[in-house]
Amino acid sequence: MHYHDYLQLDKILNAQSPESERLHMPAHDEMLFIVIHQAYELWFKQLHYETDSIVDILRQPALNDNSPELQTVVHRINRMVTILRVLVNQVDIMETMTPMDFLDFRDMLRPASGFQSWQFKELEAKLGLKYDQRHGKEYYTAQLKTEHVEKIKAAEGSSSLLQLLNGWLERMPFFNEAENWKDFALHAAITDKHPFWTEYQYQYTQSLADAEKSNSQGFDHIFFNDQPEERTLSAKATRAALFIMLYRGYPMLQLPFRLLNALLEVDEQLSSWRYRHMNMVHRMIGTRIGTGGSTGKDYLRTAADKHYIFREIAQLNSYLIERRKLPVLPAAVEKRLGFTA
């Protein structure tokens, strides 16, 4: 095996065909433009590869949280975060091209556009961005080839990472073991909720400032009222995610917390990439329309604001309380959370 042959460098290094050269209108920066976008698409391919492997693990009927598989999921999501940071940083290279450099070849590209990156749209769908949540959903596949539209629709019809996360969270066992909660101390009146959540809601309400009292009304809506048309995470899964955040110091919950936190990092890096892209477009073309016919910066800004995939996890931070006010867990539950038999 030879390095050159293994990497198929003949294909890669001969895959740049500047339009400016074909039209005999030299534009030096078009080569940079092509290489950067090809690099983006290669990284998108790797992000798909990692996402597919994570989905395969989470799709199992049961996942042992004290197993190498959960560690693998966390590791690969963190790898995705690192790749996304590279995508953000590649904008620095693109911005070495000035607006006049771009104008040397921009009109030669019409109607080609980054809006036609089917890999990125498919990745969003695999992660959990729903069709109804998309900005410009009426035409977001209009400029794509038929085979690429079919790939995106297939991803939208399959279980996304966020949906599989919901199923994993719903399997949290601790609240189904009534015997372990029989001596749990309550400061609040007994309700039809699990005793832990009765106590936690009481402590949460007590922690709110006067200007935040309306949050107490949202507590029941988020944690005890399933609204599938509004949310991907069920009330049961949402309660499990909050419990993980609250008691992440226990050994059994450390990996689950790292998983949730890594997903928030994915959203943060995707958002950073969208905003860097938006600002770069504004810097390059101002208020002109994109080569694909989009509204340019305005479209990118609205998509960046709307396309948060794991926002339901991020919203849980509104319902945290101080560590010193956390309900003390029963000894039997603490034993379960400490990797002991």
Foldseek 3Di string as FASTA:
>chain_A
DDPCVVVVVVCVVPVDDAPCVVVVLDQPCVSVVVVLVVVVLVLLVVLVVLLVVLCVQLVDPDDPLPDVNLVSNLVSLLVNLVSLVVLLVVLVVVVVQALVSCVSCQLVCFLDDPLQSLSVLLSLLQQFFALVLFDPSVCSCVPYDPVSVVSSVVSNVDQHPLLSLLVNLLPPCPQVPVVQCPPFDAPDDDDPDRRQVRRLLVLLCVQDDPVCNVVSVCPCVQQPNADVVVDSHGNSSLVSLLVLVLPVVQQSSVSVVSSLVSLVSSLVSVLSSLVSLLVSQCRNPNQDAHSNRHRRSVSSVVRSVRSRRSVSSVVSVVRDDDNVSRRDGGPVVSCVSRPHD
